[in-house]
Amino acid sequence: MSVAADAQRVGRLVAGEVLRGWLVDPAAGREGAGEIEIGDGIVRRLRWLGPDEGRSIGPDGLVIAPGFIDLHAHLREPGNEDAETVATGLAAAAHGGFTTVCALPNTTPPADDPAVIERLRAAADASGTPVRLLPYGCVSAGRAGEALAPLGELADAGVVAFSDDGSPVRSAPLFRNALLYAGSLGLPLVEHAEDAALTSGAEMHEGYVATVLGLRGWPVAGEVAAVARAVALLEDVLDDEPRARLHVTHVSTAAALAIVRDAKARGLPVTCDVTPHHLALTDEWVAGSRRWAWEAVDGSGRARDPWADGALTAHPYDPATRVNPPLRSPEDALACLTALADGTADALATDHAPHTVVDKVVEYGLAANGISGIETALGVLLAAVDAGRLTLARAIEVLTVGPAGVLGSRAPAPGLREREPADLVVFDRSASWRVERDTLSSRGSNTPLLGRDLRGVVRLTVAGGRIAHLG
């Protein structure tokens, strides 16, 4: 059966029809041609096809994989519903192939109280979507960094991790106590690695491009110093609390990844994630480039001059490129890709950060930080796969098994298993879609990818046996 014919029949898959495609199941450590049948929301049958039977099926057509898990999304509710609501954010997640979304706690009010967690759950229930919302709780009260939030009460309310994301935990003693307390609860501490003393007033990555554009630089040291401190504090508390776990989110520099790599080699319980924009976009996008990071380096892996080789095809100072951490050098972006490939980075996390036009379409240095990226994450990752920078199996792994491993027992177990509720995504690698305001489900269209065609159209997202997206 042709890929096109299969794609047309995907919508009836839940009624018991059989769909053939390229199955990728990192939990089983297997990929290949196969077929899957779903009835009443349950995977009734899964069969891997032999070489002869599956000869016409390859990884460039319909791909069937476990539903994706996003470790890092800003859903803005409560407090900033003009930018995003739980309902629109989860709809955007389903469009991107995600069946589980971790909601960050920097809302208004912040998620430092069980009542806010219950409010989030109620909004998810009211949305009607089957996409799971897993809330994070704050590390500190009000995310002010002065006193611990009630971590025990938040854990009882069902949070899956603690983070003050958007604000680093500035106090080392508070950070140390949080590691101890979170460890005793069996939950990870998720750190936004930034030394604010080094990054205050910064507008973009410090370097050649910032100098030419006249923008204030965000030094690599602003991330490296924070990661080094977090790892040192973790190592210090392990004798007292061996269950302590540290997760460093949106790591963006080669130097910081080297610290994580070393910590893992020494057996420390450290994990990290990188974002799609930090592995595929670079600081030259602020100047107007629109080429992928791997296209911005020469044969020796050194950054090319975007002004010298005609890379600048868009207007400079696009506020959609402003994000924290900032878009880095091509060398740093390729280090993020390498970290994904070699396992230093455990997961890809979108850092989905929708904003209103009022907050984003302003002078570059005044624009709110963030890229709306949960719907484009798969397409960006597949661009790296198409460029030979990552295997398809590893790309699916960092969207499924990797994030589940970071979350531990409170995460759904990803995989394609018979006699269990279907939790999967079906996407067509042979098809492309154009990123436009009216093709996005999120309220936030603040992405520098507007107008770009991305491969990998999500045809179906099924969460917990129920259709979340049909395209």
Protein backbone atom coordinates (compact mmCIF):
# COMPACT_ATOMS: atom_id res chain seq x y z
CA MET A 1 0.00 0.00 0.00
CA SER A 2 1.35 3.46 -0.88
CA VAL A 3 2.35 6.02 1.71
CA ALA A 4 -0.28 8.43 0.36
CA ALA A 5 -3.04 5.85 0.67
CA ASP A 6 -1.94 4.98 4.19
CA ALA A 7 -1.89 8.65 5.16
CA GLN A 8 -5.51 9.01 4.04
CA ARG A 9 -6.53 6.04 6.17
CA VAL A 10 -4.80 7.13 9.35
CA GLY A 11 -7.96 8.80 10.64
CA ARG A 12 -9.72 5.45 10.69
CA LEU A 13 -6.89 3.67 12.47
CA VAL A 14 -8.64 3.85 15.83
CA ALA A 15 -11.61 2.01 14.30
CA GLY A 16 -9.54 -1.12 13.85
CA GLU A 17 -7.89 -0.72 10.46
CA VAL A 18 -4.31 -1.77 9.92
CA LEU A 19 -1.69 0.82 9.05
CA ARG A 20 1.68 -0.06 7.65
CA GLY A 21 4.70 2.15 8.07
CA TRP A 22 8.20 2.46 9.44
CA LEU A 23 7.98 1.63 13.15
CA VAL A 24 10.53 3.19 15.52
CA ASP A 25 10.39 1.95 19.11
CA PRO A 26 13.38 3.07 21.21
CA ALA A 27 12.00 1.26 24.26
CA ALA A 28 12.38 -2.02 22.37
CA GLY A 29 15.58 -0.88 20.66
CA ARG A 30 14.06 -1.64 17.29
CA GLU A 31 13.00 0.02 14.05
CA GLY A 32 11.76 -1.32 10.74
CA ALA A 33 8.76 -1.97 8.55
CA GLY A 34 5.69 -3.01 10.47
CA GLU A 35 1.97 -2.74 10.89
CA ILE A 36 -0.20 -1.73 13.79
CA GLU A 37 -3.89 -2.11 14.52
CA ILE A 38 -5.80 -0.07 17.09
CA GLY A 39 -9.33 -0.75 18.27
CA ASP A 40 -11.21 1.01 21.05
CA GLY A 41 -8.04 2.94 21.79
CA ILE A 42 -6.02 -0.21 22.47
CA VAL A 43 -3.09 -1.51 20.42
CA ARG A 44 -4.68 -4.78 19.37
CA ARG A 45 -1.83 -6.01 17.23
CA LEU A 46 1.70 -4.95 16.35
CA ARG A 47 3.70 -6.90 13.82
CA TRP A 48 7.20 -6.37 12.47
CA LEU A 49 7.40 -7.24 8.80
CA GLY A 50 10.06 -9.39 7.21
CA PRO A 51 12.37 -8.15 4.42
CA ASP A 52 10.13 -9.41 1.62
CA GLU A 53 6.82 -8.25 3.04
CA GLY A 54 8.15 -4.85 4.07
CA ARG A 55 10.30 -4.20 1.02
CA SER A 56 8.25 -1.21 -0.14
CA ILE A 57 8.26 0.45 3.29
CA GLY A 58 11.14 2.70 4.34
CA PRO A 59 11.99 5.43 6.85
CA ASP A 60 11.26 8.23 4.35
CA GLY A 61 7.48 7.68 4.36
CA LEU A 62 5.03 7.16 7.19
CA VAL A 63 6.78 6.77 10.53
CA ILE A 64 5.00 5.37 13.58
CA ALA A 65 6.61 6.12 16.95
CA PRO A 66 5.72 6.42 20.64
CA GLY A 67 4.13 9.73 21.59
CA PHE A 68 6.67 12.45 22.33
CA ILE A 69 7.35 13.84 25.81
CA ASP A 70 8.29 17.51 26.22
CA LEU A 71 10.27 18.27 29.37
CA HIS A 72 9.98 22.03 29.05
CA ALA A 73 6.96 24.06 27.93
CA HIS A 74 5.53 27.38 29.08
CA LEU A 75 1.74 27.21 28.89
CA ARG A 76 1.31 30.70 30.41
CA GLU A 77 -1.85 29.84 32.34
CA PRO A 78 -2.63 31.16 34.89
CA GLY A 79 -1.83 34.82 34.42
CA ASN A 80 -0.91 35.33 30.78
CA GLU A 81 -3.67 33.64 28.80
CA ASP A 82 -3.34 36.20 25.98
CA ALA A 83 -0.08 34.45 25.07
CA GLU A 84 -1.22 30.85 25.62
CA THR A 85 -3.72 28.79 27.57
CA VAL A 86 -3.44 25.23 28.75
CA ALA A 87 -5.96 24.28 26.06
CA THR A 88 -4.14 25.99 23.17
CA GLY A 89 -0.76 24.83 24.42
CA LEU A 90 -1.84 21.20 24.60
CA ALA A 91 -3.44 21.48 21.16
CA ALA A 92 -0.14 22.80 19.83
CA ALA A 93 1.64 19.92 21.53
CA ALA A 94 -0.60 17.37 19.82
CA HIS A 95 0.04 19.07 16.46
CA GLY A 96 3.74 18.59 17.14
CA GLY A 97 3.34 14.90 18.02
CA PHE A 98 3.60 15.31 21.80
CA THR A 99 1.34 13.27 24.06
CA THR A 100 2.89 14.43 27.36
CA VAL A 101 3.89 17.98 28.27
CA CYS A 102 5.71 19.25 31.35
CA ALA A 103 4.39 22.68 32.30
CA LEU A 104 6.95 25.06 33.77
CA PRO A 105 5.98 26.94 36.95
CA ASN A 106 6.75 30.56 35.99
CA THR A 107 3.10 31.52 35.79
CA THR A 108 1.20 34.29 37.60
CA PRO A 109 0.81 33.30 40.36
CA PRO A 110 3.74 30.90 40.21
CA ALA A 111 3.24 27.21 40.84
CA ASP A 112 4.57 27.35 44.41
CA ASP A 113 1.26 26.29 45.96
CA PRO A 114 -0.78 23.09 45.53
CA ALA A 115 -3.80 25.24 44.67
CA VAL A 116 -2.05 26.43 41.49
CA ILE A 117 -1.28 22.83 40.56
CA GLU A 118 -4.94 21.94 40.97
CA ARG A 119 -5.88 24.91 38.82
CA LEU A 120 -3.57 23.65 36.05
CA ARG A 121 -5.07 20.17 36.23
CA ALA A 122 -8.57 21.58 36.07
CA ALA A 123 -7.67 23.60 32.97
CA ALA A 124 -6.22 20.49 31.32
CA ASP A 125 -9.35 18.51 32.13
CA ALA A 126 -11.58 21.28 30.80
CA SER A 127 -9.63 21.43 27.54
CA GLY A 128 -10.92 17.99 26.57
CA THR A 129 -7.59 16.95 25.11
CA PRO A 130 -6.09 13.58 26.04
CA VAL A 131 -2.57 15.07 26.04
CA ARG A 132 -1.14 14.69 29.55
CA LEU A 133 -0.04 17.73 31.50
CA LEU A 134 2.71 17.07 34.05
CA PRO A 135 3.29 20.15 36.23
CA TYR A 136 6.59 21.32 37.66
CA GLY A 137 6.61 23.01 41.05
CA CYS A 138 8.75 25.98 42.06
CA VAL A 139 12.00 25.54 43.93
CA SER A 140 11.59 28.77 45.88
CA ALA A 141 8.56 30.65 47.15
CA GLY A 142 7.44 33.06 44.46
CA ARG A 143 10.51 32.04 42.43
CA ALA A 144 12.25 34.77 44.43
CA GLY A 145 15.20 32.61 45.46
CA GLU A 146 14.93 33.52 49.14
CA ALA A 147 13.08 30.62 50.77
CA LEU A 148 12.16 27.11 49.71
CA ALA A 149 8.68 26.51 48.33
CA PRO A 150 6.67 23.82 50.15
CA LEU A 151 8.29 21.02 48.16
CA GLY A 152 6.62 18.22 50.11
CA GLU A 153 3.14 19.64 49.57
CA LEU A 154 3.86 20.19 45.89
CA ALA A 155 5.07 16.60 45.56
CA ASP A 156 1.85 15.40 47.19
CA ALA A 157 -0.07 17.51 44.67
CA GLY A 158 1.61 15.57 41.85
CA VAL A 159 4.44 17.70 40.50
CA VAL A 160 7.10 15.74 38.61
CA ALA A 161 10.08 18.04 39.26
CA PHE A 162 11.08 21.36 40.79
CA SER A 163 12.38 24.38 38.90
CA ASP A 164 12.53 28.15 39.06
CA ASP A 165 13.03 28.26 35.29
CA GLY A 166 13.31 31.72 33.88
CA SER A 167 15.16 32.60 37.07
CA PRO A 168 18.24 30.73 38.25
CA VAL A 169 18.40 29.73 41.91
CA ARG A 170 20.90 32.39 42.88
CA SER A 171 21.56 31.34 46.48
CA ALA A 172 23.99 28.43 46.71
CA PRO A 173 22.77 27.40 50.20
CA LEU A 174 19.16 27.42 48.98
CA PHE A 175 20.12 25.39 45.91
CA ARG A 176 21.93 22.86 48.09
CA ASN A 177 18.96 22.51 50.43
CA ALA A 178 16.64 22.12 47.46
CA LEU A 179 18.76 19.27 46.08
CA LEU A 180 18.58 17.52 49.44
CA TYR A 181 14.84 18.00 49.87
CA ALA A 182 13.92 17.13 46.26
CA GLY A 183 16.14 14.06 46.49
CA SER A 184 14.35 12.86 49.61
CA LEU A 185 11.10 13.15 47.65
CA GLY A 186 12.53 11.20 44.71
CA LEU A 187 12.18 14.12 42.27
CA PRO A 188 14.77 15.92 40.13
CA LEU A 189 15.80 19.54 40.49
CA VAL A 190 15.68 21.24 37.08
CA GLU A 191 18.07 24.16 36.84
CA HIS A 192 18.02 27.13 34.48
CA ALA A 193 21.79 27.60 34.30
CA GLU A 194 22.57 31.29 34.27
CA ASP A 195 24.86 33.49 36.34
CA ALA A 196 22.81 36.67 36.34
CA ALA A 197 25.79 38.76 37.41
CA LEU A 198 27.39 37.94 34.07
CA THR A 199 24.29 38.21 31.89
CA SER A 200 22.54 41.30 33.20
CA GLY A 201 21.54 43.54 30.30
CA ALA A 202 22.61 41.01 27.67
CA GLU A 203 20.71 40.97 24.38
CA MET A 204 22.31 38.13 22.41
CA HIS A 205 25.27 35.76 22.38
CA GLU A 206 28.58 37.54 22.93
CA GLY A 207 30.76 37.33 19.83
CA TYR A 208 31.47 38.61 16.36
CA VAL A 209 27.84 38.91 15.28
CA ALA A 210 26.84 40.83 18.41
CA THR A 211 29.75 43.20 17.91
CA VAL A 212 28.78 43.96 14.31
CA LEU A 213 25.12 44.43 15.27
CA GLY A 214 25.95 46.60 18.27
CA LEU A 215 24.06 44.41 20.74
CA ARG A 216 25.17 43.64 24.29
CA GLY A 217 26.68 40.17 24.62
CA TRP A 218 25.62 37.20 26.79
CA PRO A 219 28.94 35.45 27.54
CA VAL A 220 29.44 31.69 27.50
CA ALA A 221 30.77 32.05 31.05
CA GLY A 222 27.27 33.05 32.16
CA GLU A 223 26.14 29.48 31.52
CA VAL A 224 29.34 27.62 32.30
CA ALA A 225 29.72 29.11 35.77
CA ALA A 226 26.15 28.15 36.70
CA VAL A 227 26.48 24.57 35.43
CA ALA A 228 29.78 24.11 37.26
CA ARG A 229 28.24 25.39 40.50
CA ALA A 230 25.19 23.15 40.18
CA VAL A 231 27.31 20.04 39.56
CA ALA A 232 29.61 20.87 42.47
CA LEU A 233 26.67 21.32 44.84
CA LEU A 234 25.14 18.05 43.68
CA GLU A 235 28.37 16.19 44.30
CA ASP A 236 28.58 17.75 47.74
CA VAL A 237 25.11 16.56 48.86
CA LEU A 238 25.23 12.98 47.59
CA ASP A 239 26.77 11.60 50.77
CA ASP A 240 23.84 12.99 52.74
CA GLU A 241 21.16 12.26 50.15
CA PRO A 242 22.14 9.72 47.47
CA ARG A 243 18.76 10.12 45.77
CA ALA A 244 19.49 13.73 44.79
CA ARG A 245 19.23 14.30 41.04
CA LEU A 246 20.11 17.32 38.90
CA HIS A 247 18.74 18.09 35.47
CA VAL A 248 20.19 21.06 33.58
CA THR A 249 17.74 22.40 31.04
CA HIS A 250 18.33 24.12 27.67
CA VAL A 251 22.12 23.77 27.76
CA SER A 252 23.45 25.81 24.85
CA THR A 253 27.26 25.86 24.88
CA ALA A 254 30.02 23.38 24.14
CA ALA A 255 31.80 24.30 27.38
CA ALA A 256 28.77 23.65 29.57
CA LEU A 257 28.09 20.34 27.80
CA ALA A 258 31.68 19.34 28.53
CA ILE A 259 31.00 19.81 32.25
CA VAL A 260 27.91 17.61 32.04
CA ARG A 261 29.80 15.00 30.04
CA ASP A 262 32.55 14.89 32.67
CA ALA A 263 30.02 14.68 35.52
CA LYS A 264 28.32 11.72 33.87
CA ALA A 265 31.67 10.01 33.32
CA ARG A 266 32.27 10.33 37.06
CA GLY A 267 28.96 8.64 37.78
CA LEU A 268 27.08 11.69 39.08
CA PRO A 269 23.26 11.65 38.69
CA VAL A 270 23.19 14.51 36.20
CA THR A 271 21.03 14.77 33.09
CA CYS A 272 20.47 17.58 30.61
CA ASP A 273 18.45 18.59 27.59
CA VAL A 274 19.03 20.81 24.57
CA THR A 275 16.42 22.63 22.49
CA PRO A 276 15.69 22.45 18.76
CA HIS A 277 16.66 26.09 18.28
CA HIS A 278 20.00 25.72 20.03
CA LEU A 279 21.07 22.82 17.83
CA ALA A 280 19.82 24.16 14.49
CA LEU A 281 19.76 27.98 14.72
CA THR A 282 22.73 30.23 15.49
CA ASP A 283 23.52 33.80 16.47
CA GLU A 284 23.82 34.76 12.79
CA TRP A 285 20.02 34.40 12.56
CA VAL A 286 19.85 37.66 14.53
CA ALA A 287 21.73 39.27 11.64
CA GLY A 288 19.32 37.83 9.08
CA SER A 289 20.71 34.41 8.20
CA ARG A 290 18.24 31.58 7.72
CA ARG A 291 20.58 28.64 7.16
CA TRP A 292 20.85 25.70 9.54
CA ALA A 293 23.77 25.53 11.95
CA TRP A 294 25.49 22.71 10.02
CA GLU A 295 25.40 24.89 6.90
CA ALA A 296 27.14 27.74 8.75
CA VAL A 297 30.49 25.97 9.24
CA ASP A 298 33.32 25.20 6.85
CA GLY A 299 34.96 21.83 6.27
CA SER A 300 36.98 22.15 9.47
CA GLY A 301 33.90 22.90 11.57
CA ARG A 302 34.63 26.61 12.00
CA ALA A 303 31.96 29.27 11.63
CA ARG A 304 31.68 31.02 8.30
CA ASP A 305 31.28 34.78 8.07
CA PRO A 306 27.58 35.37 7.25
CA TRP A 307 28.38 38.76 5.74
CA ALA A 308 31.04 37.28 3.45
CA ASP A 309 29.15 34.37 1.92
CA GLY A 310 25.66 35.70 1.23
CA ALA A 311 23.89 34.05 4.15
CA LEU A 312 21.90 37.12 5.17
CA THR A 313 18.56 36.76 3.42
CA ALA A 314 16.17 38.16 6.05
CA HIS A 315 15.93 41.41 7.97
CA PRO A 316 18.25 41.73 10.98
CA TYR A 317 17.11 42.24 14.57
CA ASP A 318 14.10 39.94 14.24
CA PRO A 319 12.79 39.81 17.85
CA ALA A 320 11.60 36.24 17.21
CA THR A 321 15.26 35.23 17.49
CA ARG A 322 15.59 36.60 21.04
CA VAL A 323 15.66 33.74 23.54
CA ASN A 324 17.28 32.82 26.85
CA PRO A 325 19.84 31.27 26.61
CA PRO A 326 20.56 33.14 23.38
CA LEU A 327 21.16 31.56 20.02
CA ARG A 328 24.83 30.60 20.11
CA SER A 329 27.70 30.20 17.65
CA PRO A 330 27.60 27.50 14.96
CA GLU A 331 30.30 25.63 16.90
CA ASP A 332 28.10 25.60 20.01
CA ALA A 333 25.07 24.48 17.99
CA LEU A 334 27.01 21.56 16.53
CA ALA A 335 28.19 20.69 20.05
CA CYS A 336 24.51 20.43 21.04
CA LEU A 337 23.93 18.07 18.12
CA THR A 338 26.95 16.00 19.09
CA ALA A 339 25.71 15.85 22.68
CA LEU A 340 22.36 14.51 21.50
CA ALA A 341 24.06 11.93 19.31
CA ASP A 342 26.51 10.65 21.94
CA GLY A 343 24.10 10.65 24.89
CA THR A 344 25.53 13.57 26.84
CA ALA A 345 22.18 15.27 26.27
CA ASP A 346 19.44 12.92 27.40
CA ALA A 347 16.53 14.64 25.75
CA LEU A 348 15.30 17.25 23.34
CA ALA A 349 13.07 19.78 25.13
CA THR A 350 11.25 22.48 23.19
CA ASP A 351 11.33 25.34 25.72
CA HIS A 352 8.05 26.35 24.05
CA ALA A 353 7.66 30.01 25.01
CA PRO A 354 4.75 31.76 23.28
CA HIS A 355 4.37 35.53 23.60
CA THR A 356 1.91 38.17 22.51
CA VAL A 357 2.73 40.58 19.71
CA VAL A 358 2.83 43.39 22.27
CA ASP A 359 5.60 41.67 24.21
CA LYS A 360 7.57 40.43 21.22
CA VAL A 361 7.33 42.81 18.27
CA VAL A 362 9.32 45.64 19.84
CA GLU A 363 12.91 46.90 19.82
CA TYR A 364 15.22 43.88 19.94
CA GLY A 365 16.63 44.49 23.40
CA LEU A 366 13.16 45.01 24.86
CA ALA A 367 11.57 41.91 23.34
CA ALA A 368 10.51 39.11 25.66
CA ASN A 369 12.78 36.08 25.49
CA GLY A 370 11.36 32.95 23.91
CA ILE A 371 10.48 30.99 20.79
CA SER A 372 7.18 29.24 20.21
CA GLY A 373 8.57 25.86 19.25
CA ILE A 374 6.52 22.84 20.29
CA GLU A 375 4.94 22.49 16.82
CA THR A 376 8.19 22.87 14.87
CA ALA A 377 10.45 20.70 17.05
CA LEU A 378 9.96 17.54 15.00
CA GLY A 379 10.60 19.32 11.69
CA VAL A 380 13.80 20.90 12.98
CA LEU A 381 15.04 17.58 14.34
CA LEU A 382 14.23 15.84 11.06
CA ALA A 383 16.25 18.48 9.21
CA ALA A 384 19.25 17.36 11.27
CA VAL A 385 18.43 13.74 10.42
CA ASP A 386 18.18 14.58 6.71
CA ALA A 387 21.57 16.31 6.95
CA GLY A 388 23.13 13.13 8.35
CA ARG A 389 23.81 14.72 11.73
CA LEU A 390 21.54 12.37 13.70
CA THR A 391 19.93 9.01 13.10
CA LEU A 392 16.16 8.73 12.98
CA ALA A 393 16.22 6.20 15.82
CA ARG A 394 18.18 8.56 18.07
CA ALA A 395 15.92 11.47 17.15
CA ILE A 396 12.88 9.51 18.31
CA GLU A 397 14.74 8.31 21.41
CA VAL A 398 15.49 11.85 22.63
CA LEU A 399 11.80 12.70 22.26
CA THR A 400 10.53 9.63 24.13
CA VAL A 401 12.72 7.31 26.20
CA GLY A 402 15.20 10.09 27.01
CA PRO A 403 12.75 12.51 28.66
CA ALA A 404 10.93 9.63 30.38
CA GLY A 405 14.22 8.61 31.96
CA VAL A 406 14.76 12.14 33.28
CA LEU A 407 11.33 12.21 34.92
CA GLY A 408 11.50 8.71 36.37
CA SER A 409 8.48 6.89 37.76
CA ARG A 410 6.05 9.81 37.34
CA ALA A 411 6.45 9.75 33.57
CA PRO A 412 4.46 7.52 31.21
CA ALA A 413 6.45 4.57 29.86
CA PRO A 414 6.94 5.24 26.13
CA GLY A 415 6.77 2.39 23.67
CA LEU A 416 4.62 0.53 21.17
CA ARG A 417 3.06 -2.32 23.15
CA GLU A 418 0.17 -4.63 22.44
CA ARG A 419 -2.86 -4.75 24.72
CA GLU A 420 -2.17 -1.27 26.12
CA PRO A 421 -3.78 2.11 25.35
CA ALA A 422 -2.25 3.58 22.22
CA ASP A 423 0.14 6.44 22.84
CA LEU A 424 1.78 7.23 19.56
CA VAL A 425 2.43 9.64 16.74
CA VAL A 426 2.27 8.99 13.01
CA PHE A 427 4.14 11.45 10.79
CA ASP A 428 4.87 11.55 7.09
CA ARG A 429 8.49 12.29 6.24
CA SER A 430 7.65 12.55 2.55
CA ALA A 431 5.36 15.54 3.17
CA SER A 432 6.17 19.14 4.13
CA TRP A 433 4.23 21.95 5.73
CA ARG A 434 4.80 25.69 5.83
CA VAL A 435 5.11 27.40 9.20
CA GLU A 436 2.63 30.27 9.15
CA ARG A 437 0.48 31.96 11.76
CA ASP A 438 -2.61 30.16 10.49
CA THR A 439 -0.93 26.74 10.44
CA LEU A 440 0.02 26.95 14.13
CA SER A 441 -2.30 25.86 16.92
CA SER A 442 -0.44 27.86 19.57
CA ARG A 443 -1.50 31.42 20.30
CA GLY A 444 2.16 32.34 19.99
CA SER A 445 3.57 32.69 16.48
CA ASN A 446 6.88 34.11 17.71
CA THR A 447 9.22 31.88 15.73
CA PRO A 448 11.90 32.82 13.21
CA LEU A 449 10.77 29.78 11.19
CA LEU A 450 7.68 31.60 9.85
CA GLY A 451 7.53 31.13 6.10
CA ARG A 452 9.80 28.07 6.15
CA ASP A 453 8.83 24.63 4.90
CA LEU A 454 9.53 21.77 7.30
CA ARG A 455 9.43 18.08 6.48
CA GLY A 456 7.48 15.69 8.66
CA VAL A 457 3.72 16.30 8.70
CA VAL A 458 2.07 14.90 11.82
CA ARG A 459 -0.89 12.88 10.55
CA LEU A 460 -2.09 11.45 13.84
CA THR A 461 -1.39 11.86 17.54
CA VAL A 462 -3.05 9.40 19.93
CA ALA A 463 -2.69 9.93 23.69
CA GLY A 464 -3.94 7.35 26.13
CA GLY A 465 -6.03 5.69 23.43
CA ARG A 466 -7.77 8.89 22.31
CA ILE A 467 -7.15 11.01 19.22
CA ALA A 468 -5.42 14.27 20.13
CA HIS A 469 -4.62 15.46 16.61
CA LEU A 470 -5.68 14.38 13.16
CA GLY A 471 -4.06 16.07 10.18
